[in-house]
Amino acid sequence: MSQRRKDGETSKEDGVSIVAKGLAPQIASDNKFLVNQESDHRVTAVLDPMGQAAMGYFDYRGKVDRVRFWGHIVDWELASTPSINGLARRQIIQETAAAAGVGKGAIDIAEKPGWIARHITQRNWKEDAMRRGEVVEE
């Protein structure tokens, strides 16, 4: 498949980028949601095991007991957790870079300080790096 650029030249897309564009929406959803052109927030939410169990319980209460409040709590939690510390934004940038074949060059990766700095002088280096928009790799 070729695309026409503004300067009149055509550029060819490689197979990897074509497949990535087709599969990207499926990473964050299930087929029953994709049919309705929705995304499954359960897949992209950032939950710990206790939060995941609580959301399952609240969702059950909302559907079985027909208490709308529990459904609103679940929807809010699942939709908002990817935004904590800009996680969703960083993942979108990474996905776009990977689809374009750029790799890790498009994102800023935080440099891990030495042992003394991590444990004594710069104990909050991870939070500072996230505030600057850098990705922290362990």
N, C-alpha and C. Protein backbone atom coordinates (compact mmCIF):
# COMPACT_ATOMS: atom_id res chain seq x y z
N MET A 1 0.85 -1.15 0.00
CA MET A 1 0.00 0.00 0.00
C MET A 1 0.91 1.23 0.00
N SER A 2 0.69 2.14 -0.87
CA SER A 2 1.50 3.35 -0.90
C SER A 2 0.64 4.55 -0.60
N GLN A 3 1.29 5.55 -0.02
CA GLN A 3 0.59 6.77 0.33
C GLN A 3 1.25 7.94 -0.39
N ARG A 4 0.46 8.92 -0.78
CA ARG A 4 1.00 10.09 -1.45
C ARG A 4 1.28 11.16 -0.40
N ARG A 5 2.53 11.67 -0.42
CA ARG A 5 2.90 12.72 0.51
C ARG A 5 2.65 14.07 -0.14
N LYS A 6 2.81 15.14 0.65
CA LYS A 6 2.54 16.49 0.16
C LYS A 6 3.46 16.89 -0.99
N ASP A 7 4.72 16.41 -0.96
CA ASP A 7 5.66 16.82 -1.99
C ASP A 7 5.49 16.02 -3.28
N GLY A 8 4.49 15.16 -3.36
CA GLY A 8 4.20 14.43 -4.58
C GLY A 8 4.82 13.05 -4.65
N GLU A 9 5.76 12.75 -3.76
CA GLU A 9 6.38 11.43 -3.76
C GLU A 9 5.47 10.44 -3.04
N THR A 10 5.60 9.19 -3.39
CA THR A 10 4.84 8.17 -2.69
C THR A 10 5.77 7.42 -1.75
N SER A 11 5.23 7.01 -0.62
CA SER A 11 6.02 6.24 0.33
C SER A 11 5.31 4.92 0.56
N LYS A 12 6.06 3.87 0.68
CA LYS A 12 5.47 2.55 0.91
C LYS A 12 5.45 2.26 2.41
N GLU A 13 4.35 1.71 2.86
CA GLU A 13 4.27 1.24 4.23
C GLU A 13 4.74 -0.19 4.26
N ASP A 14 5.52 -0.52 5.27
CA ASP A 14 5.94 -1.91 5.38
C ASP A 14 4.86 -2.72 6.08
N GLY A 15 5.01 -4.02 6.03
CA GLY A 15 4.00 -4.91 6.59
C GLY A 15 3.80 -4.74 8.07
N VAL A 16 4.88 -4.43 8.79
CA VAL A 16 4.78 -4.27 10.24
C VAL A 16 3.87 -3.11 10.60
N SER A 17 4.02 -1.97 9.93
CA SER A 17 3.18 -0.82 10.27
C SER A 17 1.73 -1.05 9.89
N ILE A 18 1.49 -1.78 8.80
CA ILE A 18 0.10 -2.09 8.41
C ILE A 18 -0.55 -2.99 9.45
N VAL A 19 0.18 -4.00 9.90
CA VAL A 19 -0.35 -4.90 10.93
C VAL A 19 -0.54 -4.16 12.24
N ALA A 20 0.42 -3.29 12.60
CA ALA A 20 0.32 -2.54 13.86
C ALA A 20 -0.91 -1.64 13.87
N LYS A 21 -1.19 -0.99 12.75
CA LYS A 21 -2.36 -0.13 12.68
C LYS A 21 -3.66 -0.93 12.83
N GLY A 22 -3.67 -2.14 12.32
CA GLY A 22 -4.87 -2.97 12.43
C GLY A 22 -5.04 -3.59 13.80
N LEU A 23 -3.92 -3.91 14.46
CA LEU A 23 -4.00 -4.58 15.75
C LEU A 23 -4.05 -3.63 16.93
N ALA A 24 -3.62 -2.40 16.76
CA ALA A 24 -3.57 -1.46 17.88
C ALA A 24 -4.91 -1.32 18.60
N PRO A 25 -6.04 -1.14 17.90
CA PRO A 25 -7.30 -1.03 18.63
C PRO A 25 -7.69 -2.31 19.36
N GLN A 26 -7.22 -3.45 18.89
CA GLN A 26 -7.60 -4.72 19.50
C GLN A 26 -6.84 -5.00 20.79
N ILE A 27 -5.71 -4.32 20.99
CA ILE A 27 -4.93 -4.53 22.20
C ILE A 27 -5.74 -4.13 23.42
N ALA A 28 -6.50 -3.05 23.30
CA ALA A 28 -7.21 -2.50 24.45
C ALA A 28 -8.68 -2.85 24.47
N SER A 29 -9.08 -3.91 23.82
CA SER A 29 -10.50 -4.20 23.82
C SER A 29 -10.77 -5.67 23.55
N ASP A 30 -12.00 -6.02 23.60
CA ASP A 30 -12.49 -7.35 23.33
C ASP A 30 -13.38 -7.26 22.09
N ASN A 31 -13.57 -8.37 21.41
CA ASN A 31 -14.34 -8.36 20.17
C ASN A 31 -15.76 -7.84 20.35
N LYS A 32 -16.41 -8.18 21.46
CA LYS A 32 -17.78 -7.71 21.66
C LYS A 32 -17.83 -6.19 21.85
N PHE A 33 -16.74 -5.57 22.33
CA PHE A 33 -16.70 -4.12 22.42
C PHE A 33 -16.35 -3.51 21.06
N LEU A 34 -15.45 -4.15 20.32
CA LEU A 34 -15.04 -3.63 19.02
C LEU A 34 -16.19 -3.59 18.03
N VAL A 35 -17.11 -4.56 18.11
CA VAL A 35 -18.26 -4.58 17.22
C VAL A 35 -19.08 -3.31 17.40
N ASN A 36 -19.17 -2.83 18.64
CA ASN A 36 -19.92 -1.60 18.94
C ASN A 36 -19.03 -0.36 18.89
N GLN A 37 -17.79 -0.51 18.42
CA GLN A 37 -16.80 0.55 18.35
C GLN A 37 -16.58 1.19 19.70
N GLU A 38 -16.40 0.36 20.72
CA GLU A 38 -16.10 0.80 22.07
C GLU A 38 -14.78 0.18 22.49
N SER A 39 -14.22 0.67 23.59
CA SER A 39 -13.03 0.03 24.14
C SER A 39 -13.36 -0.51 25.52
N ASP A 40 -12.69 -1.56 25.89
CA ASP A 40 -12.91 -2.22 27.17
C ASP A 40 -11.95 -1.60 28.19
N HIS A 41 -12.46 -0.75 29.06
CA HIS A 41 -11.62 -0.06 30.02
C HIS A 41 -11.01 -1.01 31.05
N ARG A 42 -11.56 -2.20 31.19
CA ARG A 42 -10.98 -3.15 32.13
C ARG A 42 -9.58 -3.54 31.71
N VAL A 43 -9.31 -3.56 30.41
CA VAL A 43 -8.01 -3.97 29.90
C VAL A 43 -6.96 -2.90 30.12
N THR A 44 -7.32 -1.63 29.96
CA THR A 44 -6.34 -0.56 30.05
C THR A 44 -6.23 0.05 31.44
N ALA A 45 -7.07 -0.33 32.37
CA ALA A 45 -7.02 0.25 33.71
C ALA A 45 -5.77 -0.21 34.44
N VAL A 46 -5.29 0.66 35.31
CA VAL A 46 -4.10 0.36 36.12
C VAL A 46 -4.59 0.07 37.52
N LEU A 47 -4.76 -1.19 37.83
CA LEU A 47 -5.32 -1.59 39.11
C LEU A 47 -4.38 -2.55 39.82
N ASP A 48 -4.36 -2.47 41.13
CA ASP A 48 -3.66 -3.49 41.91
C ASP A 48 -4.65 -4.63 42.16
N PRO A 49 -4.20 -5.76 42.69
CA PRO A 49 -5.13 -6.89 42.87
C PRO A 49 -6.35 -6.57 43.74
N MET A 50 -6.16 -5.76 44.78
CA MET A 50 -7.30 -5.41 45.64
C MET A 50 -8.28 -4.51 44.89
N GLY A 51 -7.77 -3.56 44.12
CA GLY A 51 -8.63 -2.67 43.34
C GLY A 51 -9.39 -3.44 42.28
N GLN A 52 -8.72 -4.40 41.67
CA GLN A 52 -9.37 -5.22 40.64
C GLN A 52 -10.50 -6.04 41.25
N ALA A 53 -10.27 -6.61 42.42
CA ALA A 53 -11.32 -7.38 43.09
C ALA A 53 -12.49 -6.48 43.49
N ALA A 54 -12.18 -5.28 43.97
CA ALA A 54 -13.23 -4.34 44.36
C ALA A 54 -14.06 -3.93 43.15
N MET A 55 -13.40 -3.66 42.03
CA MET A 55 -14.14 -3.26 40.83
C MET A 55 -15.04 -4.40 40.35
N GLY A 56 -14.58 -5.62 40.44
CA GLY A 56 -15.41 -6.77 40.08
C GLY A 56 -16.63 -6.88 40.98
N TYR A 57 -16.43 -6.65 42.28
CA TYR A 57 -17.54 -6.70 43.24
C TYR A 57 -18.54 -5.57 42.98
N PHE A 58 -18.03 -4.35 42.78
CA PHE A 58 -18.91 -3.21 42.53
C PHE A 58 -19.67 -3.38 41.23
N ASP A 59 -19.02 -3.93 40.21
CA ASP A 59 -19.69 -4.17 38.94
C ASP A 59 -20.81 -5.19 39.12
N TYR A 60 -20.54 -6.24 39.89
CA TYR A 60 -21.55 -7.26 40.18
C TYR A 60 -22.74 -6.63 40.91
N ARG A 61 -22.44 -5.81 41.93
CA ARG A 61 -23.51 -5.14 42.68
C ARG A 61 -24.34 -4.24 41.78
N GLY A 62 -23.68 -3.56 40.85
CA GLY A 62 -24.38 -2.66 39.96
C GLY A 62 -25.32 -3.39 39.02
N LYS A 63 -24.90 -4.58 38.55
CA LYS A 63 -25.71 -5.32 37.59
C LYS A 63 -26.78 -6.16 38.26
N VAL A 64 -26.43 -6.86 39.32
CA VAL A 64 -27.37 -7.78 39.96
C VAL A 64 -28.36 -7.02 40.85
N ASP A 65 -27.84 -6.11 41.69
CA ASP A 65 -28.72 -5.37 42.59
C ASP A 65 -29.37 -4.17 41.91
N ARG A 66 -28.94 -3.87 40.70
CA ARG A 66 -29.46 -2.74 39.91
C ARG A 66 -29.36 -1.41 40.66
N VAL A 67 -28.17 -1.22 41.27
CA VAL A 67 -27.88 0.04 41.94
C VAL A 67 -26.92 0.81 41.03
N ARG A 68 -27.42 1.87 40.40
CA ARG A 68 -26.62 2.60 39.41
C ARG A 68 -25.35 3.20 40.00
N PHE A 69 -25.38 3.55 41.27
CA PHE A 69 -24.21 4.16 41.91
C PHE A 69 -22.97 3.29 41.73
N TRP A 70 -23.09 1.98 41.92
CA TRP A 70 -21.93 1.09 41.80
C TRP A 70 -21.42 1.04 40.37
N GLY A 71 -22.32 1.11 39.41
CA GLY A 71 -21.91 1.16 38.02
C GLY A 71 -21.13 2.44 37.70
N HIS A 72 -21.57 3.56 38.27
CA HIS A 72 -20.86 4.82 38.06
C HIS A 72 -19.46 4.77 38.69
N ILE A 73 -19.35 4.17 39.86
CA ILE A 73 -18.04 4.05 40.52
C ILE A 73 -17.09 3.23 39.66
N VAL A 74 -17.56 2.11 39.15
CA VAL A 74 -16.73 1.24 38.30
C VAL A 74 -16.32 1.97 37.03
N ASP A 75 -17.26 2.62 36.37
CA ASP A 75 -16.94 3.34 35.14
C ASP A 75 -15.91 4.43 35.38
N TRP A 76 -16.07 5.19 36.45
CA TRP A 76 -15.14 6.27 36.76
C TRP A 76 -13.75 5.71 37.05
N GLU A 77 -13.67 4.71 37.86
CA GLU A 77 -12.37 4.14 38.23
C GLU A 77 -11.65 3.55 37.02
N LEU A 78 -12.35 2.78 36.22
CA LEU A 78 -11.72 2.14 35.07
C LEU A 78 -11.32 3.15 34.00
N ALA A 79 -12.11 4.20 33.84
CA ALA A 79 -11.80 5.20 32.82
C ALA A 79 -10.71 6.16 33.27
N SER A 80 -10.56 6.39 34.57
CA SER A 80 -9.62 7.39 35.03
C SER A 80 -8.25 6.85 35.45
N THR A 81 -8.14 5.58 35.77
CA THR A 81 -6.84 5.09 36.25
C THR A 81 -5.73 5.16 35.21
N PRO A 82 -5.98 5.01 33.91
CA PRO A 82 -4.86 5.15 32.98
C PRO A 82 -4.28 6.56 32.93
N SER A 83 -4.99 7.54 33.44
CA SER A 83 -4.48 8.91 33.40
C SER A 83 -3.55 9.23 34.57
N ILE A 84 -3.44 8.35 35.54
CA ILE A 84 -2.59 8.60 36.70
C ILE A 84 -1.14 8.70 36.24
N ASN A 85 -0.49 9.80 36.62
CA ASN A 85 0.90 10.09 36.26
C ASN A 85 1.12 10.10 34.75
N GLY A 86 0.09 10.35 33.98
CA GLY A 86 0.25 10.44 32.53
C GLY A 86 0.54 9.12 31.85
N LEU A 87 0.18 8.02 32.47
CA LEU A 87 0.49 6.69 31.93
C LEU A 87 -0.11 6.50 30.54
N ALA A 88 -1.38 6.84 30.37
CA ALA A 88 -2.02 6.63 29.07
C ALA A 88 -1.35 7.47 27.99
N ARG A 89 -0.99 8.70 28.33
CA ARG A 89 -0.33 9.57 27.36
C ARG A 89 1.00 8.97 26.92
N ARG A 90 1.78 8.50 27.88
CA ARG A 90 3.08 7.89 27.54
C ARG A 90 2.90 6.64 26.69
N GLN A 91 1.89 5.83 27.01
CA GLN A 91 1.66 4.61 26.25
C GLN A 91 1.21 4.91 24.83
N ILE A 92 0.41 5.97 24.64
CA ILE A 92 -0.01 6.35 23.30
C ILE A 92 1.20 6.81 22.49
N ILE A 93 2.08 7.58 23.11
CA ILE A 93 3.30 8.03 22.42
C ILE A 93 4.16 6.83 22.04
N GLN A 94 4.30 5.88 22.96
CA GLN A 94 5.10 4.69 22.68
C GLN A 94 4.48 3.86 21.56
N GLU A 95 3.16 3.70 21.58
CA GLU A 95 2.49 2.91 20.55
C GLU A 95 2.63 3.57 19.19
N THR A 96 2.48 4.88 19.15
CA THR A 96 2.62 5.61 17.89
C THR A 96 4.05 5.49 17.36
N ALA A 97 5.02 5.61 18.25
CA ALA A 97 6.42 5.49 17.85
C ALA A 97 6.73 4.09 17.35
N ALA A 98 6.18 3.09 18.03
CA ALA A 98 6.43 1.71 17.61
C ALA A 98 5.78 1.43 16.25
N ALA A 99 4.58 1.97 16.03
CA ALA A 99 3.91 1.76 14.75
C ALA A 99 4.66 2.44 13.62
N ALA A 100 5.32 3.56 13.94
CA ALA A 100 6.09 4.27 12.92
C ALA A 100 7.48 3.69 12.76
N GLY A 101 7.87 2.76 13.61
CA GLY A 101 9.18 2.13 13.51
C GLY A 101 10.28 2.93 14.17
N VAL A 102 9.92 3.88 15.01
CA VAL A 102 10.92 4.71 15.66
C VAL A 102 11.52 4.00 16.86
N GLY A 103 10.72 3.25 17.58
CA GLY A 103 11.21 2.53 18.75
C GLY A 103 11.29 3.43 19.97
N LYS A 104 12.32 3.24 20.79
CA LYS A 104 12.44 3.97 22.04
C LYS A 104 12.98 5.38 21.87
N GLY A 105 13.39 5.76 20.68
CA GLY A 105 13.95 7.08 20.47
C GLY A 105 12.96 8.21 20.63
N ALA A 106 11.67 7.94 20.55
CA ALA A 106 10.66 8.99 20.61
C ALA A 106 10.27 9.35 22.03
N ILE A 107 10.72 8.60 23.01
CA ILE A 107 10.34 8.88 24.39
C ILE A 107 11.59 9.14 25.22
N ASP A 108 11.42 9.92 26.26
CA ASP A 108 12.51 10.21 27.18
C ASP A 108 12.51 9.16 28.27
N ILE A 109 13.64 8.52 28.46
CA ILE A 109 13.77 7.51 29.49
C ILE A 109 14.62 8.09 30.62
N ALA A 110 14.10 7.99 31.84
CA ALA A 110 14.80 8.54 33.00
C ALA A 110 16.07 7.73 33.27
N GLU A 111 17.13 8.45 33.57
CA GLU A 111 18.39 7.78 33.90
C GLU A 111 18.37 7.44 35.39
N LYS A 112 18.56 6.19 35.69
CA LYS A 112 18.51 5.72 37.07
C LYS A 112 19.78 6.18 37.79
N PRO A 113 19.64 6.94 38.90
CA PRO A 113 20.82 7.39 39.62
C PRO A 113 21.50 6.24 40.35
N GLY A 114 22.67 6.49 40.85
CA GLY A 114 23.43 5.48 41.58
C GLY A 114 22.77 5.09 42.90
N TRP A 115 23.33 4.10 43.56
CA TRP A 115 22.76 3.55 44.78
C TRP A 115 22.62 4.61 45.86
N ILE A 116 23.66 5.40 46.08
CA ILE A 116 23.63 6.42 47.13
C ILE A 116 22.54 7.44 46.82
N ALA A 117 22.49 7.89 45.59
CA ALA A 117 21.47 8.88 45.22
C ALA A 117 20.07 8.30 45.38
N ARG A 118 19.86 7.06 44.95
CA ARG A 118 18.53 6.45 45.05
C ARG A 118 18.08 6.28 46.48
N HIS A 119 19.01 5.99 47.41
CA HIS A 119 18.63 5.66 48.78
C HIS A 119 18.85 6.79 49.78
N ILE A 120 19.61 7.83 49.39
CA ILE A 120 19.89 8.88 50.36
C ILE A 120 19.56 10.27 49.83
N THR A 121 20.19 10.69 48.74
CA THR A 121 20.07 12.08 48.31
C THR A 121 18.91 12.35 47.36
N GLN A 122 18.55 11.42 46.51
CA GLN A 122 17.46 11.62 45.54
C GLN A 122 16.43 10.50 45.66
N ARG A 123 15.83 10.38 46.81
CA ARG A 123 14.93 9.27 47.06
C ARG A 123 13.65 9.35 46.23
N ASN A 124 13.27 10.53 45.79
CA ASN A 124 12.06 10.67 45.00
C ASN A 124 12.38 10.87 43.51
N TRP A 125 13.43 10.23 43.02
CA TRP A 125 13.85 10.40 41.63
C TRP A 125 12.80 9.89 40.65
N LYS A 126 12.06 8.85 41.03
CA LYS A 126 11.03 8.32 40.12
C LYS A 126 9.90 9.33 39.93
N GLU A 127 9.43 9.92 41.02
CA GLU A 127 8.35 10.90 40.93
C GLU A 127 8.79 12.12 40.13
N ASP A 128 10.03 12.57 40.36
CA ASP A 128 10.55 13.71 39.61
C ASP A 128 10.62 13.40 38.11
N ALA A 129 11.06 12.20 37.77
CA ALA A 129 11.16 11.81 36.36
C ALA A 129 9.78 11.74 35.72
N MET A 130 8.79 11.19 36.43
CA MET A 130 7.43 11.12 35.89
C MET A 130 6.84 12.51 35.72
N ARG A 131 7.14 13.42 36.65
CA ARG A 131 6.66 14.79 36.55
C ARG A 131 7.24 15.49 35.31
N ARG A 132 8.47 15.15 34.95
CA ARG A 132 9.10 15.71 33.75
C ARG A 132 8.63 15.02 32.48
N GLY A 133 7.83 13.94 32.63
CA GLY A 133 7.32 13.23 31.45
C GLY A 133 8.24 12.14 30.96
N GLU A 134 9.21 11.73 31.77
CA GLU A 134 10.13 10.68 31.38
C GLU A 134 9.59 9.33 31.84
N VAL A 135 9.98 8.28 31.15
CA VAL A 135 9.57 6.93 31.47
C VAL A 135 10.61 6.33 32.42
N VAL A 136 10.16 5.73 33.50
CA VAL A 136 11.04 5.10 34.46
C VAL A 136 11.10 3.62 34.16
N GLU A 137 12.29 3.13 33.86
CA GLU A 137 12.48 1.70 33.61
C GLU A 137 13.22 1.10 34.78
N GLU A 138 12.74 -0.01 35.25
CA GLU A 138 13.39 -0.71 36.38
C GLU A 138 14.36 -1.73 35.87
